[in-house]
Amino acid sequence: MVHAYILVQTEVGKATSVAQSIAKIPGVLQAEDVTGPYDVIVRAEAETVDDLGRMVVAQVQQVEGITRTLTCPVVHL
């Protein structure tokens, strides 16, 4: 299982609706509004890195109001 944090920038005033929409996507464990350079931080899981990439591109990035995402896979060193 691959876990990742997805950092999301949104259009002004869209963070809450974006977080609510992303939270409904299968594989998303948590989606919360935050302050700072990113507007929403998402914790997600998928079976493989490829599955994670497909989730981000095909589902997360399609949510209305998102301007940019940065996906940070969790590593265990």
PDB file of N, CA and C in Angstrom:
ATOM      1  N   MET A   1       0.852  -1.178   0.000  1.00  0.00           N
ATOM      2  CA  MET A   1       0.000   0.000   0.000  1.00  0.00           C
ATOM      3  C   MET A   1       0.895   1.237   0.000  1.00  0.00           C
ATOM      4  N   VAL A   2       0.577   2.189  -0.860  1.00  0.00           N
ATOM      5  CA  VAL A   2       1.300   3.455  -0.972  1.00  0.00           C
ATOM      6  C   VAL A   2       0.442   4.554  -0.342  1.00  0.00           C
ATOM      7  N   HIS A   3       1.052   5.330   0.543  1.00  0.00           N
ATOM      8  CA  HIS A   3       0.368   6.477   1.145  1.00  0.00           C
ATOM      9  C   HIS A   3       1.030   7.747   0.628  1.00  0.00           C
ATOM     10  N   ALA A   4       0.254   8.822   0.535  1.00  0.00           N
ATOM     11  CA  ALA A   4       0.802  10.090   0.054  1.00  0.00           C
ATOM     12  C   ALA A   4       0.021  11.250   0.630  1.00  0.00           C
ATOM     13  N   TYR A   5       0.690  12.382   0.694  1.00  0.00           N
ATOM     14  CA  TYR A   5       0.035  13.654   0.975  1.00  0.00           C
ATOM     15  C   TYR A   5      -0.069  14.386  -0.356  1.00  0.00           C
ATOM     16  N   ILE A   6      -1.226  14.935  -0.621  1.00  0.00           N
ATOM     17  CA  ILE A   6      -1.431  15.715  -1.836  1.00  0.00           C
ATOM     18  C   ILE A   6      -1.711  17.147  -1.386  1.00  0.00           C
ATOM     19  N   LEU A   7      -0.832  18.058  -1.775  1.00  0.00           N
ATOM     20  CA  LEU A   7      -0.952  19.467  -1.419  1.00  0.00           C
ATOM     21  C   LEU A   7      -1.685  20.160  -2.565  1.00  0.00           C
ATOM     22  N   VAL A   8      -2.739  20.877  -2.230  1.00  0.00           N
ATOM     23  CA  VAL A   8      -3.632  21.415  -3.251  1.00  0.00           C
ATOM     24  C   VAL A   8      -3.740  22.933  -3.122  1.00  0.00           C
ATOM     25  N   GLN A   9      -3.569  23.623  -4.232  1.00  0.00           N
ATOM     26  CA  GLN A   9      -3.863  25.046  -4.303  1.00  0.00           C
ATOM     27  C   GLN A   9      -5.194  25.194  -5.029  1.00  0.00           C
ATOM     28  N   THR A  10      -6.022  26.133  -4.540  1.00  0.00           N
ATOM     29  CA  THR A  10      -7.349  26.317  -5.126  1.00  0.00           C
ATOM     30  C   THR A  10      -7.549  27.762  -5.550  1.00  0.00           C
ATOM     31  N   GLU A  11      -8.614  27.981  -6.289  1.00  0.00           N
ATOM     32  CA  GLU A  11      -9.052  29.341  -6.581  1.00  0.00           C
ATOM     33  C   GLU A  11      -9.488  29.981  -5.262  1.00  0.00           C
ATOM     34  N   VAL A  12      -9.428  31.288  -5.195  1.00  0.00           N
ATOM     35  CA  VAL A  12      -9.809  32.011  -3.987  1.00  0.00           C
ATOM     36  C   VAL A  12     -11.240  31.655  -3.590  1.00  0.00           C
ATOM     37  N   GLY A  13     -11.421  31.302  -2.312  1.00  0.00           N
ATOM     38  CA  GLY A  13     -12.739  30.998  -1.785  1.00  0.00           C
ATOM     39  C   GLY A  13     -13.257  29.601  -2.074  1.00  0.00           C
ATOM     40  N   LYS A  14     -12.434  28.741  -2.680  1.00  0.00           N
ATOM     41  CA  LYS A  14     -12.904  27.405  -3.078  1.00  0.00           C
ATOM     42  C   LYS A  14     -12.370  26.272  -2.190  1.00  0.00           C
ATOM     43  N   ALA A  15     -11.555  26.579  -1.188  1.00  0.00           N
ATOM     44  CA  ALA A  15     -10.892  25.523  -0.413  1.00  0.00           C
ATOM     45  C   ALA A  15     -11.884  24.566   0.239  1.00  0.00           C
ATOM     46  N   THR A  16     -12.923  25.087   0.851  1.00  0.00           N
ATOM     47  CA  THR A  16     -13.872  24.224   1.549  1.00  0.00           C
ATOM     48  C   THR A  16     -14.592  23.287   0.594  1.00  0.00           C
ATOM     49  N   SER A  17     -15.078  23.807  -0.515  1.00  0.00           N
ATOM     50  CA  SER A  17     -15.802  22.953  -1.464  1.00  0.00           C
ATOM     51  C   SER A  17     -14.865  21.941  -2.119  1.00  0.00           C
ATOM     52  N   VAL A  18     -13.628  22.335  -2.377  1.00  0.00           N
ATOM     53  CA  VAL A  18     -12.645  21.407  -2.947  1.00  0.00           C
ATOM     54  C   VAL A  18     -12.355  20.273  -1.955  1.00  0.00           C
ATOM     55  N   ALA A  19     -12.119  20.609  -0.693  1.00  0.00           N
ATOM     56  CA  ALA A  19     -11.835  19.588   0.320  1.00  0.00           C
ATOM     57  C   ALA A  19     -13.014  18.622   0.456  1.00  0.00           C
ATOM     58  N   GLN A  20     -14.225  19.143   0.446  1.00  0.00           N
ATOM     59  CA  GLN A  20     -15.402  18.288   0.567  1.00  0.00           C
ATOM     60  C   GLN A  20     -15.533  17.348  -0.631  1.00  0.00           C
ATOM     61  N   SER A  21     -15.264  17.851  -1.816  1.00  0.00           N
ATOM     62  CA  SER A  21     -15.346  17.013  -3.021  1.00  0.00           C
ATOM     63  C   SER A  21     -14.262  15.941  -3.021  1.00  0.00           C
ATOM     64  N   ILE A  22     -13.045  16.326  -2.674  1.00  0.00           N
ATOM     65  CA  ILE A  22     -11.937  15.363  -2.665  1.00  0.00           C
ATOM     66  C   ILE A  22     -12.167  14.284  -1.620  1.00  0.00           C
ATOM     67  N   ALA A  23     -12.743  14.633  -0.485  1.00  0.00           N
ATOM     68  CA  ALA A  23     -12.971  13.668   0.596  1.00  0.00           C
ATOM     69  C   ALA A  23     -13.855  12.505   0.151  1.00  0.00           C
ATOM     70  N   LYS A  24     -14.643  12.690  -0.887  1.00  0.00           N
ATOM     71  CA  LYS A  24     -15.557  11.654  -1.375  1.00  0.00           C
ATOM     72  C   LYS A  24     -14.889  10.670  -2.341  1.00  0.00           C
ATOM     73  N   ILE A  25     -13.664  10.946  -2.754  1.00  0.00           N
ATOM     74  CA  ILE A  25     -12.968  10.099  -3.729  1.00  0.00           C
ATOM     75  C   ILE A  25     -12.458   8.836  -3.039  1.00  0.00           C
ATOM     76  N   PRO A  26     -12.724   7.651  -3.610  1.00  0.00           N
ATOM     77  CA  PRO A  26     -12.200   6.417  -3.022  1.00  0.00           C
ATOM     78  C   PRO A  26     -10.675   6.462  -2.924  1.00  0.00           C
ATOM     79  N   GLY A  27     -10.148   6.068  -1.782  1.00  0.00           N
ATOM     80  CA  GLY A  27      -8.711   6.097  -1.551  1.00  0.00           C
ATOM     81  C   GLY A  27      -8.265   7.314  -0.771  1.00  0.00           C
ATOM     82  N   VAL A  28      -9.111   8.320  -0.672  1.00  0.00           N
ATOM     83  CA  VAL A  28      -8.783   9.512   0.121  1.00  0.00           C
ATOM     84  C   VAL A  28      -9.150   9.215   1.568  1.00  0.00           C
ATOM     85  N   LEU A  29      -8.170   9.342   2.448  1.00  0.00           N
ATOM     86  CA  LEU A  29      -8.380   9.087   3.868  1.00  0.00           C
ATOM     87  C   LEU A  29      -8.822  10.337   4.606  1.00  0.00           C
ATOM     88  N   GLN A  30      -8.325  11.489   4.148  1.00  0.00           N
ATOM     89  CA  GLN A  30      -8.617  12.748   4.832  1.00  0.00           C
ATOM     90  C   GLN A  30      -8.347  13.894   3.870  1.00  0.00           C
ATOM     91  N   ALA A  31      -9.157  14.942   3.948  1.00  0.00           N
ATOM     92  CA  ALA A  31      -8.948  16.160   3.156  1.00  0.00           C
ATOM     93  C   ALA A  31      -9.348  17.328   4.034  1.00  0.00           C
ATOM     94  N   GLU A  32      -8.392  18.213   4.303  1.00  0.00           N
ATOM     95  CA  GLU A  32      -8.655  19.317   5.225  1.00  0.00           C
ATOM     96  C   GLU A  32      -8.186  20.646   4.658  1.00  0.00           C
ATOM     97  N   ASP A  33      -8.954  21.694   4.959  1.00  0.00           N
ATOM     98  CA  ASP A  33      -8.562  23.065   4.627  1.00  0.00           C
ATOM     99  C   ASP A  33      -7.415  23.451   5.563  1.00  0.00           C
ATOM    100  N   VAL A  34      -6.434  24.152   5.025  1.00  0.00           N
ATOM    101  CA  VAL A  34      -5.321  24.641   5.835  1.00  0.00           C
ATOM    102  C   VAL A  34      -4.988  26.064   5.403  1.00  0.00           C
ATOM    103  N   THR A  35      -4.153  26.735   6.194  1.00  0.00           N
ATOM    104  CA  THR A  35      -3.651  28.044   5.796  1.00  0.00           C
ATOM    105  C   THR A  35      -2.203  27.892   5.355  1.00  0.00           C
ATOM    106  N   GLY A  36      -1.707  28.858   4.619  1.00  0.00           N
ATOM    107  CA  GLY A  36      -0.330  28.806   4.128  1.00  0.00           C
ATOM    108  C   GLY A  36      -0.317  28.772   2.616  1.00  0.00           C
ATOM    109  N   PRO A  37       0.788  28.289   2.043  1.00  0.00           N
ATOM    110  CA  PRO A  37       0.913  28.303   0.591  1.00  0.00           C
ATOM    111  C   PRO A  37      -0.034  27.321  -0.107  1.00  0.00           C
ATOM    112  N   TYR A  38      -0.543  26.336   0.624  1.00  0.00           N
ATOM    113  CA  TYR A  38      -1.521  25.398   0.074  1.00  0.00           C
ATOM    114  C   TYR A  38      -2.839  25.604   0.793  1.00  0.00           C
ATOM    115  N   ASP A  39      -3.922  25.274   0.126  1.00  0.00           N
ATOM    116  CA  ASP A  39      -5.254  25.512   0.668  1.00  0.00           C
ATOM    117  C   ASP A  39      -5.912  24.262   1.239  1.00  0.00           C
ATOM    118  N   VAL A  40      -5.532  23.111   0.708  1.00  0.00           N
ATOM    119  CA  VAL A  40      -6.078  21.831   1.154  1.00  0.00           C
ATOM    120  C   VAL A  40      -4.929  20.829   1.205  1.00  0.00           C
ATOM    121  N   ILE A  41      -4.914  20.006   2.259  1.00  0.00           N
ATOM    122  CA  ILE A  41      -3.963  18.897   2.328  1.00  0.00           C
ATOM    123  C   ILE A  41      -4.774  17.616   2.405  1.00  0.00           C
ATOM    124  N   VAL A  42      -4.394  16.672   1.547  1.00  0.00           N
ATOM    125  CA  VAL A  42      -5.116  15.408   1.411  1.00  0.00           C
ATOM    126  C   VAL A  42      -4.178  14.272   1.798  1.00  0.00           C
ATOM    127  N   ARG A  43      -4.691  13.316   2.548  1.00  0.00           N
ATOM    128  CA  ARG A  43      -3.951  12.071   2.807  1.00  0.00           C
ATOM    129  C   ARG A  43      -4.684  10.989   2.034  1.00  0.00           C
ATOM    130  N   ALA A  44      -3.934  10.263   1.196  1.00  0.00           N
ATOM    131  CA  ALA A  44      -4.542   9.262   0.325  1.00  0.00           C
ATOM    132  C   ALA A  44      -3.735   7.977   0.339  1.00  0.00           C
ATOM    133  N   GLU A  45      -4.377   6.900  -0.099  1.00  0.00           N
ATOM    134  CA  GLU A  45      -3.683   5.622  -0.224  1.00  0.00           C
ATOM    135  C   GLU A  45      -4.130   4.938  -1.504  1.00  0.00           C
ATOM    136  N   ALA A  46      -3.224   4.114  -2.033  1.00  0.00           N
ATOM    137  CA  ALA A  46      -3.518   3.331  -3.229  1.00  0.00           C
ATOM    138  C   ALA A  46      -2.662   2.074  -3.183  1.00  0.00           C
ATOM    139  N   GLU A  47      -3.019   1.100  -3.984  1.00  0.00           N
ATOM    140  CA  GLU A  47      -2.275  -0.164  -4.004  1.00  0.00           C
ATOM    141  C   GLU A  47      -0.852   0.012  -4.524  1.00  0.00           C
ATOM    142  N   THR A  48      -0.689   0.829  -5.577  1.00  0.00           N
ATOM    143  CA  THR A  48       0.629   1.030  -6.184  1.00  0.00           C
ATOM    144  C   THR A  48       0.838   2.509  -6.477  1.00  0.00           C
ATOM    145  N   VAL A  49       2.070   2.868  -6.796  1.00  0.00           N
ATOM    146  CA  VAL A  49       2.365   4.242  -7.181  1.00  0.00           C
ATOM    147  C   VAL A  49       1.607   4.603  -8.450  1.00  0.00           C
ATOM    148  N   ASP A  50       1.489   3.666  -9.368  1.00  0.00           N
ATOM    149  CA  ASP A  50       0.732   3.921 -10.599  1.00  0.00           C
ATOM    150  C   ASP A  50      -0.743   4.188 -10.296  1.00  0.00           C
ATOM    151  N   ASP A  51      -1.312   3.410  -9.385  1.00  0.00           N
ATOM    152  CA  ASP A  51      -2.708   3.637  -8.993  1.00  0.00           C
ATOM    153  C   ASP A  51      -2.870   5.008  -8.335  1.00  0.00           C
ATOM    154  N   LEU A  52      -1.904   5.386  -7.531  1.00  0.00           N
ATOM    155  CA  LEU A  52      -1.927   6.704  -6.896  1.00  0.00           C
ATOM    156  C   LEU A  52      -1.903   7.803  -7.959  1.00  0.00           C
ATOM    157  N   GLY A  53      -1.014   7.664  -8.927  1.00  0.00           N
ATOM    158  CA  GLY A  53      -0.928   8.641 -10.010  1.00  0.00           C
ATOM    159  C   GLY A  53      -2.224   8.755 -10.791  1.00  0.00           C
ATOM    160  N   ARG A  54      -2.845   7.600 -11.070  1.00  0.00           N
ATOM    161  CA  ARG A  54      -4.127   7.619 -11.788  1.00  0.00           C
ATOM    162  C   ARG A  54      -5.202   8.317 -10.963  1.00  0.00           C
ATOM    163  N   MET A  55      -5.212   8.080  -9.643  1.00  0.00           N
ATOM    164  CA  MET A  55      -6.198   8.736  -8.783  1.00  0.00           C
ATOM    165  C   MET A  55      -6.020  10.244  -8.824  1.00  0.00           C
ATOM    166  N   VAL A  56      -4.779  10.693  -8.732  1.00  0.00           N
ATOM    167  CA  VAL A  56      -4.525  12.136  -8.706  1.00  0.00           C
ATOM    168  C   VAL A  56      -4.925  12.775 -10.033  1.00  0.00           C
ATOM    169  N   VAL A  57      -4.489  12.187 -11.131  1.00  0.00           N
ATOM    170  CA  VAL A  57      -4.745  12.793 -12.439  1.00  0.00           C
ATOM    171  C   VAL A  57      -6.208  12.652 -12.865  1.00  0.00           C
ATOM    172  N   ALA A  58      -6.783  11.481 -12.682  1.00  0.00           N
ATOM    173  CA  ALA A  58      -8.130  11.230 -13.202  1.00  0.00           C
ATOM    174  C   ALA A  58      -9.249  11.685 -12.274  1.00  0.00           C
ATOM    175  N   GLN A  59      -8.953  11.835 -10.981  1.00  0.00           N
ATOM    176  CA  GLN A  59     -10.031  12.174 -10.055  1.00  0.00           C
ATOM    177  C   GLN A  59      -9.757  13.459  -9.279  1.00  0.00           C
ATOM    178  N   VAL A  60      -8.642  13.518  -8.586  1.00  0.00           N
ATOM    179  CA  VAL A  60      -8.381  14.688  -7.746  1.00  0.00           C
ATOM    180  C   VAL A  60      -8.249  15.947  -8.602  1.00  0.00           C
ATOM    181  N   GLN A  61      -7.424  15.908  -9.626  1.00  0.00           N
ATOM    182  CA  GLN A  61      -7.190  17.109 -10.435  1.00  0.00           C
ATOM    183  C   GLN A  61      -8.420  17.539 -11.239  1.00  0.00           C
ATOM    184  N   GLN A  62      -9.416  16.694 -11.317  1.00  0.00           N
ATOM    185  CA  GLN A  62     -10.629  17.039 -12.050  1.00  0.00           C
ATOM    186  C   GLN A  62     -11.639  17.810 -11.201  1.00  0.00           C
ATOM    187  N   VAL A  63     -11.367  17.936  -9.901  1.00  0.00           N
ATOM    188  CA  VAL A  63     -12.286  18.656  -9.020  1.00  0.00           C
ATOM    189  C   VAL A  63     -12.268  20.140  -9.384  1.00  0.00           C
ATOM    190  N   GLU A  64     -13.448  20.709  -9.547  1.00  0.00           N
ATOM    191  CA  GLU A  64     -13.555  22.119  -9.916  1.00  0.00           C
ATOM    192  C   GLU A  64     -12.992  23.014  -8.819  1.00  0.00           C
ATOM    193  N   GLY A  65     -12.178  23.983  -9.215  1.00  0.00           N
ATOM    194  CA  GLY A  65     -11.609  24.945  -8.277  1.00  0.00           C
ATOM    195  C   GLY A  65     -10.153  24.706  -7.954  1.00  0.00           C
ATOM    196  N   ILE A  66      -9.588  23.581  -8.399  1.00  0.00           N
ATOM    197  CA  ILE A  66      -8.170  23.295  -8.145  1.00  0.00           C
ATOM    198  C   ILE A  66      -7.327  23.978  -9.204  1.00  0.00           C
ATOM    199  N   THR A  67      -6.254  24.640  -8.766  1.00  0.00           N
ATOM    200  CA  THR A  67      -5.336  25.260  -9.714  1.00  0.00           C
ATOM    201  C   THR A  67      -4.010  24.502  -9.827  1.00  0.00           C
ATOM    202  N   ARG A  68      -3.615  23.780  -8.761  1.00  0.00           N
ATOM    203  CA  ARG A  68      -2.333  23.068  -8.789  1.00  0.00           C
ATOM    204  C   ARG A  68      -2.311  22.021  -7.683  1.00  0.00           C
ATOM    205  N   THR A  69      -1.626  20.890  -7.948  1.00  0.00           N
ATOM    206  CA  THR A  69      -1.419  19.872  -6.918  1.00  0.00           C
ATOM    207  C   THR A  69       0.048  19.495  -6.856  1.00  0.00           C
ATOM    208  N   LEU A  70       0.463  19.024  -5.697  1.00  0.00           N
ATOM    209  CA  LEU A  70       1.804  18.490  -5.500  1.00  0.00           C
ATOM    210  C   LEU A  70       1.643  17.210  -4.692  1.00  0.00           C
ATOM    211  N   THR A  71       2.029  16.072  -5.264  1.00  0.00           N
ATOM    212  CA  THR A  71       1.863  14.784  -4.595  1.00  0.00           C
ATOM    213  C   THR A  71       3.175  14.365  -3.939  1.00  0.00           C
ATOM    214  N   CYS A  72       3.094  14.045  -2.640  1.00  0.00           N
ATOM    215  CA  CYS A  72       4.271  13.672  -1.845  1.00  0.00           C
ATOM    216  C   CYS A  72       4.075  12.271  -1.279  1.00  0.00           C
ATOM    217  N   PRO A  73       4.608  11.238  -1.964  1.00  0.00           N
ATOM    218  CA  PRO A  73       4.479   9.876  -1.431  1.00  0.00           C
ATOM    219  C   PRO A  73       5.253   9.733  -0.115  1.00  0.00           C
ATOM    220  N   VAL A  74       4.692   8.956   0.787  1.00  0.00           N
ATOM    221  CA  VAL A  74       5.344   8.696   2.067  1.00  0.00           C
ATOM    222  C   VAL A  74       6.391   7.620   1.857  1.00  0.00           C
ATOM    223  N   VAL A  75       7.586   7.821   2.404  1.00  0.00           N
ATOM    224  CA  VAL A  75       8.646   6.827   2.331  1.00  0.00           C
ATOM    225  C   VAL A  75       9.030   6.389   3.744  1.00  0.00           C
ATOM    226  N   HIS A  76       9.493   5.178   3.860  1.00  0.00           N
ATOM    227  CA  HIS A  76       9.941   4.648   5.149  1.00  0.00           C
ATOM    228  C   HIS A  76      11.419   4.321   5.019  1.00  0.00           C
ATOM    229  N   LEU A  77      12.276   5.205   5.533  1.00  0.00           N
ATOM    230  CA  LEU A  77      13.731   5.039   5.395  1.00  0.00           C
ATOM    231  C   LEU A  77      14.309   4.248   6.542  1.00  0.00           C
TER     232      LEU A  77
END
